[in-house]
Amino acid sequence: MSEPVRYRGQTTTGPSYNLWYDCPQAEIIADPNIGFIWHEDFLTYDATDLWVENNATTGTMILQELAGGQMLLDAGASTQHQGVDSFQAVPQATAGAPWLVAAEKDMWFEARVKITYPANQFFCGLATIDTTVFASGENSVANHIGFEMNTTTIGANVAAAPYGELYFFTEKAGSRDESNDLLATLTTATWHKIGFKVKGQTTSDFTVQPFYDNAALTTVTDTDDIPVSALVPTFVACADGTSQITVHIDWIRIAQLR
C-alpha cells in the first residue's frame, strides 16, 4: 500500500508545518491535561463575551459571509492613526488574559492574514490587554510578541504603497527586541501566514522564533525582551495618512503546554 500524501507548509491554507510539527495538537485535544489549544475560524463573531473592539475615531470589524469564515478589519478612513486600534480576544467572564509565557510550557501562535495597502499601521500577535495598542502610529503596549508595521519608527514604505515592511518584535516591560529588522516587503491583497513559537525550560533560557509563510526566521534569545505577562490575541489596522488599510483574518490558532 502506498504511503498517504502529507500536505505541508505553503501547499495548503492551513497551519504551517515547520511551525507546528512539534506541537502535540492531537494529544492535547484527546487529553486536556497535556495542554490547551484555541482555534478561531470566524464562523461566528462574539463581540459580547470574547472579542473586544476599540477604534480610533473610525474603524469597523465585519464578519464576512464566506465559506469557512473570515473577519474583516477596516480602518474606515485614510486619515493618519485612525482605524481599528485594538481588536483583542479577552474572556469577558474574568477579563483575564489566558496566554502566559512560562518555563516548560511551550507556546505556538499563527494567523492567516491578507492586508490591502500594507504600508500602514498593523499588528498581529499577543499583547497585554489595552484599549489603545498603537499610540502615535506605533505599538505602545509594554508587553507583546508579534508582527508589526508602523509609519513612525520603522520606516514603512508609504511612498511605495501598496508595499509595506513587516517586522517582528518582542517587548517586556518596555524593553524591546528589534533583532528581526525587516522580514518581508508585503504585496497588497496577498494571503500570508505569520506566527511564532515560544520555548524555554527555565525563565533564563526563553526563546521566540518567528515564522513567515512556513519559513523560520531569526530567533529572539534576549530574555530581557521576552514578556512573561498574561497576553491575549491582538490585531491593529490603522491608516497611515495616505491609504485606508483593510485586514482580512482567515483564522488564528494558539496552543500551549499545560
Protein backbone atom coordinates (compact mmCIF):
# COMPACT_ATOMS: atom_id res chain seq x y z
CA MET A 1 0.00 0.00 0.00
CA SER A 2 1.35 3.42 -0.92
CA GLU A 3 2.08 5.99 1.76
CA PRO A 4 -0.57 8.71 2.30
CA VAL A 5 0.23 12.11 0.89
CA ARG A 6 1.13 14.62 3.61
CA TYR A 7 0.49 18.23 2.72
CA ARG A 8 2.85 20.63 4.45
CA GLY A 9 3.78 24.27 4.63
CA GLN A 10 2.50 26.56 1.89
CA THR A 11 0.74 23.84 -0.11
CA THR A 12 -2.45 24.45 1.89
CA THR A 13 -4.22 27.31 3.61
CA GLY A 14 -3.85 25.58 6.97
CA PRO A 15 -1.22 25.87 9.71
CA SER A 16 2.45 25.84 8.67
CA TYR A 17 4.20 22.50 9.13
CA ASN A 18 7.57 23.92 10.18
CA LEU A 19 5.96 25.88 12.99
CA TRP A 20 3.57 23.21 14.27
CA TYR A 21 5.36 19.90 13.65
CA ASP A 22 6.46 19.55 17.30
CA CYS A 23 3.17 20.68 18.83
CA PRO A 24 1.18 17.68 20.17
CA GLN A 25 -2.11 19.01 18.83
CA ALA A 26 -3.92 15.67 18.59
CA GLU A 27 -2.75 14.67 22.06
CA ILE A 28 -3.90 17.99 23.53
CA ILE A 29 -7.36 17.57 22.02
CA ALA A 30 -7.57 14.00 23.34
CA ASP A 31 -6.20 14.86 26.78
CA PRO A 32 -6.52 18.48 28.03
CA ASN A 33 -4.08 17.65 30.84
CA ILE A 34 -1.29 17.92 28.24
CA GLY A 35 -2.13 21.44 27.16
CA PHE A 36 -4.78 23.71 25.68
CA ILE A 37 -5.49 24.83 22.15
CA TRP A 38 -7.72 27.53 20.65
CA HIS A 39 -8.67 27.90 17.00
CA GLU A 40 -10.78 30.85 15.79
CA ASP A 41 -12.18 30.43 12.29
CA PHE A 42 -14.62 33.35 12.45
CA LEU A 43 -17.65 31.27 11.59
CA THR A 44 -19.37 33.44 14.18
CA TYR A 45 -18.44 36.66 15.94
CA ASP A 46 -18.95 37.21 19.67
CA ALA A 47 -18.49 40.90 20.45
CA THR A 48 -20.01 40.48 23.92
CA ASP A 49 -18.20 37.61 25.64
CA LEU A 50 -14.93 37.28 23.72
CA TRP A 51 -13.79 39.92 21.24
CA VAL A 52 -13.27 43.49 22.44
CA GLU A 53 -13.15 46.29 19.86
CA ASN A 54 -11.63 49.73 20.28
CA ASN A 55 -11.42 52.22 17.44
CA ALA A 56 -9.55 55.46 16.92
CA THR A 57 -12.30 57.75 15.52
CA THR A 58 -13.11 55.34 12.66
CA GLY A 59 -12.81 51.60 12.10
CA THR A 60 -15.11 48.60 11.77
CA MET A 61 -14.94 44.84 12.35
CA ILE A 62 -17.16 42.94 9.92
CA LEU A 63 -17.80 39.18 9.85
CA GLN A 64 -17.58 38.11 6.20
CA GLU A 65 -20.23 35.84 4.71
CA LEU A 66 -17.69 33.47 3.17
CA ALA A 67 -17.29 29.70 3.31
CA GLY A 68 -15.01 28.74 6.19
CA GLY A 69 -15.41 32.09 7.95
CA GLN A 70 -13.39 35.31 7.79
CA MET A 71 -13.12 38.60 9.67
CA LEU A 72 -12.51 41.99 8.05
CA LEU A 73 -10.87 44.88 9.91
CA ASP A 74 -11.38 48.15 8.02
CA ALA A 75 -9.68 51.39 9.09
CA GLY A 76 -12.66 53.27 7.69
CA ALA A 77 -10.56 56.26 6.59
CA SER A 78 -7.13 57.17 5.27
CA THR A 79 -6.56 59.78 7.98
CA GLN A 80 -3.35 59.06 9.86
CA HIS A 81 -3.72 56.94 13.04
CA GLN A 82 -7.44 56.36 12.52
CA GLY A 83 -8.91 52.85 12.39
CA VAL A 84 -9.09 49.65 14.45
CA ASP A 85 -6.68 50.43 17.28
CA SER A 86 -7.33 47.32 19.34
CA PHE A 87 -9.10 44.09 18.41
CA GLN A 88 -8.46 41.60 21.21
CA ALA A 89 -9.79 38.20 22.30
CA VAL A 90 -10.46 38.71 26.01
CA PRO A 91 -12.52 36.21 28.07
CA GLN A 92 -15.16 38.53 29.46
CA ALA A 93 -16.14 36.38 32.39
CA THR A 94 -12.85 37.16 34.09
CA ALA A 95 -11.44 39.94 31.90
CA GLY A 96 -8.34 37.77 32.01
CA ALA A 97 -5.52 37.04 29.61
CA PRO A 98 -5.07 33.26 29.31
CA TRP A 99 -1.76 33.04 27.42
CA LEU A 100 1.28 33.30 29.71
CA VAL A 101 4.88 32.60 28.75
CA ALA A 102 6.25 30.22 31.39
CA ALA A 103 9.01 27.67 31.88
CA GLU A 104 8.41 24.26 30.28
CA LYS A 105 5.16 25.50 28.75
CA ASP A 106 5.94 25.81 25.05
CA MET A 107 3.57 28.01 23.05
CA TRP A 108 2.65 28.18 19.36
CA PHE A 109 0.81 31.02 17.56
CA GLU A 110 -0.16 31.52 13.93
CA ALA A 111 -2.66 33.52 11.87
CA ARG A 112 -3.51 33.70 8.17
CA VAL A 113 -4.00 37.30 7.07
CA LYS A 114 -4.40 39.38 3.93
CA ILE A 115 -3.60 43.11 4.01
CA THR A 116 -4.77 45.68 1.48
CA TYR A 117 -2.42 48.68 1.27
CA PRO A 118 0.04 47.28 3.81
CA ALA A 119 2.12 50.47 4.07
CA ASN A 120 0.05 51.38 7.11
CA GLN A 121 -0.14 50.58 10.83
CA PHE A 122 -0.63 46.89 11.59
CA PHE A 123 -0.08 44.40 14.40
CA CYS A 124 -0.76 40.68 14.73
CA GLY A 125 0.29 38.69 17.77
CA LEU A 126 -0.13 38.57 21.54
CA ALA A 127 -0.22 41.61 23.82
CA THR A 128 -1.42 42.65 27.24
CA ILE A 129 -5.00 43.93 27.39
CA ASP A 130 -5.09 47.54 26.20
CA THR A 131 -7.71 49.74 24.56
CA THR A 132 -5.04 51.69 22.66
CA VAL A 133 -2.40 49.31 21.33
CA PHE A 134 -0.92 51.90 18.97
CA ALA A 135 -0.16 55.42 20.19
CA SER A 136 1.06 57.99 17.66
CA GLY A 137 1.49 55.36 14.99
CA GLU A 138 3.45 52.59 16.73
CA ASN A 139 2.97 49.85 19.32
CA SER A 140 2.86 51.38 22.79
CA VAL A 141 1.95 48.27 24.81
CA ALA A 142 4.77 47.42 27.23
CA ASN A 143 4.43 43.63 26.80
CA HIS A 144 3.84 41.98 23.44
CA ILE A 145 5.06 39.43 20.89
CA GLY A 146 4.14 39.85 17.25
CA PHE A 147 4.40 41.21 13.74
CA GLU A 148 4.19 44.93 13.13
CA MET A 149 4.17 47.65 10.53
CA ASN A 150 4.13 51.31 11.51
CA THR A 151 4.79 54.67 9.95
CA THR A 152 6.70 56.21 12.83
CA THR A 153 9.90 54.38 13.72
CA ILE A 154 10.45 51.54 11.28
CA GLY A 155 10.10 53.43 8.03
CA ALA A 156 7.25 51.72 6.24
CA ASN A 157 7.33 52.32 2.51
CA VAL A 158 4.45 54.81 2.44
CA ALA A 159 5.66 56.40 -0.79
CA ALA A 160 5.86 52.97 -2.42
CA ALA A 161 2.36 51.80 -1.47
CA PRO A 162 0.88 49.21 -1.88
CA TYR A 163 4.03 47.74 -0.34
CA GLY A 164 4.80 47.61 3.37
CA GLU A 165 7.65 46.47 5.54
CA LEU A 166 6.87 43.71 8.04
CA TYR A 167 8.89 43.41 11.26
CA PHE A 168 8.80 41.09 14.28
CA PHE A 169 9.17 42.42 17.82
CA THR A 170 9.10 41.12 21.38
CA GLU A 171 8.84 43.54 24.28
CA LYS A 172 8.99 43.02 28.04
CA ALA A 173 8.13 45.86 30.41
CA GLY A 174 9.15 48.40 27.79
CA SER A 175 12.39 46.65 26.76
CA ARG A 176 12.10 45.83 23.06
CA ASP A 177 13.99 43.36 20.88
CA GLU A 178 14.50 44.54 17.31
CA SER A 179 16.83 41.81 16.04
CA ASN A 180 14.41 40.88 13.27
CA ASP A 181 14.87 44.09 11.31
CA LEU A 182 13.00 43.50 8.04
CA LEU A 183 11.20 40.20 7.49
CA ALA A 184 9.44 40.90 4.23
CA THR A 185 8.01 43.53 1.96
CA LEU A 186 4.36 42.64 1.63
CA THR A 187 2.34 42.85 -1.56
CA THR A 188 -1.19 44.15 -1.27
CA ALA A 189 -4.14 41.72 -1.17
CA THR A 190 -1.99 38.59 -0.79
CA TRP A 191 -2.57 35.93 1.86
CA HIS A 192 0.29 35.25 4.30
CA LYS A 193 0.72 33.01 7.34
CA ILE A 194 2.62 34.62 10.21
CA GLY A 195 3.35 33.06 13.58
CA PHE A 196 5.88 32.22 16.25
CA LYS A 197 6.99 29.56 18.69
CA VAL A 198 7.95 30.26 22.32
CA LYS A 199 10.16 27.76 24.14
CA GLY A 200 12.14 27.59 27.40
CA GLN A 201 12.99 25.16 30.16
CA THR A 202 13.60 27.99 32.66
CA THR A 203 12.93 31.71 32.78
CA SER A 204 16.57 32.30 31.83
CA ASP A 205 16.51 30.45 28.51
CA PHE A 206 13.28 31.54 26.79
CA THR A 207 13.44 31.86 23.01
CA VAL A 208 10.93 33.12 20.46
CA GLN A 209 11.21 32.04 16.82
CA PRO A 210 9.03 33.82 14.24
CA PHE A 211 7.77 32.16 11.06
CA TYR A 212 6.71 33.80 7.81
CA ASP A 213 4.93 31.63 5.22
CA ASN A 214 6.35 28.43 6.79
CA ALA A 215 9.93 29.77 6.85
CA ALA A 216 11.75 30.03 10.18
CA LEU A 217 13.31 33.44 10.85
CA THR A 218 15.88 34.81 13.30
CA THR A 219 15.24 33.58 16.85
CA VAL A 220 14.91 36.10 19.69
CA THR A 221 17.13 34.94 22.57
CA ASP A 222 17.36 38.01 24.83
CA THR A 223 15.16 37.02 27.77
CA ASP A 224 15.08 40.64 28.95
CA ASP A 225 12.86 41.35 25.93
CA ILE A 226 10.51 38.32 26.15
CA PRO A 227 7.36 39.12 28.16
CA VAL A 228 6.17 36.86 30.97
CA SER A 229 2.90 38.78 31.48
CA ALA A 230 -0.51 37.34 30.60
CA LEU A 231 -1.30 38.08 26.94
CA VAL A 232 -4.26 37.94 24.53
CA PRO A 233 -4.56 37.66 20.71
CA THR A 234 -4.35 41.20 19.34
CA PHE A 235 -4.78 42.92 15.96
CA VAL A 236 -4.39 46.54 14.83
CA ALA A 237 -5.38 48.09 11.48
CA CYS A 238 -4.92 51.87 11.32
CA ALA A 239 -4.30 54.27 8.42
CA ASP A 240 -1.04 55.98 7.53
CA GLY A 241 -2.44 59.27 6.23
CA THR A 242 -2.27 58.13 2.61
CA SER A 243 -4.33 54.96 2.21
CA GLN A 244 -7.10 53.08 4.02
CA ILE A 245 -5.87 49.74 5.28
CA THR A 246 -8.07 46.64 5.44
CA VAL A 247 -7.03 43.36 7.07
CA HIS A 248 -8.73 40.02 6.38
CA ILE A 249 -8.21 37.37 9.07
CA ASP A 250 -8.93 33.82 7.89
CA TRP A 251 -8.06 32.03 11.13
CA ILE A 252 -5.97 32.13 14.31
CA ARG A 253 -4.54 29.14 16.17
CA ILE A 254 -2.78 29.13 19.54
CA ALA A 255 -1.62 26.17 21.64
CA GLN A 256 0.38 25.83 24.85
CA LEU A 257 1.58 23.00 27.05
CA ARG A 258 -0.06 22.90 30.45
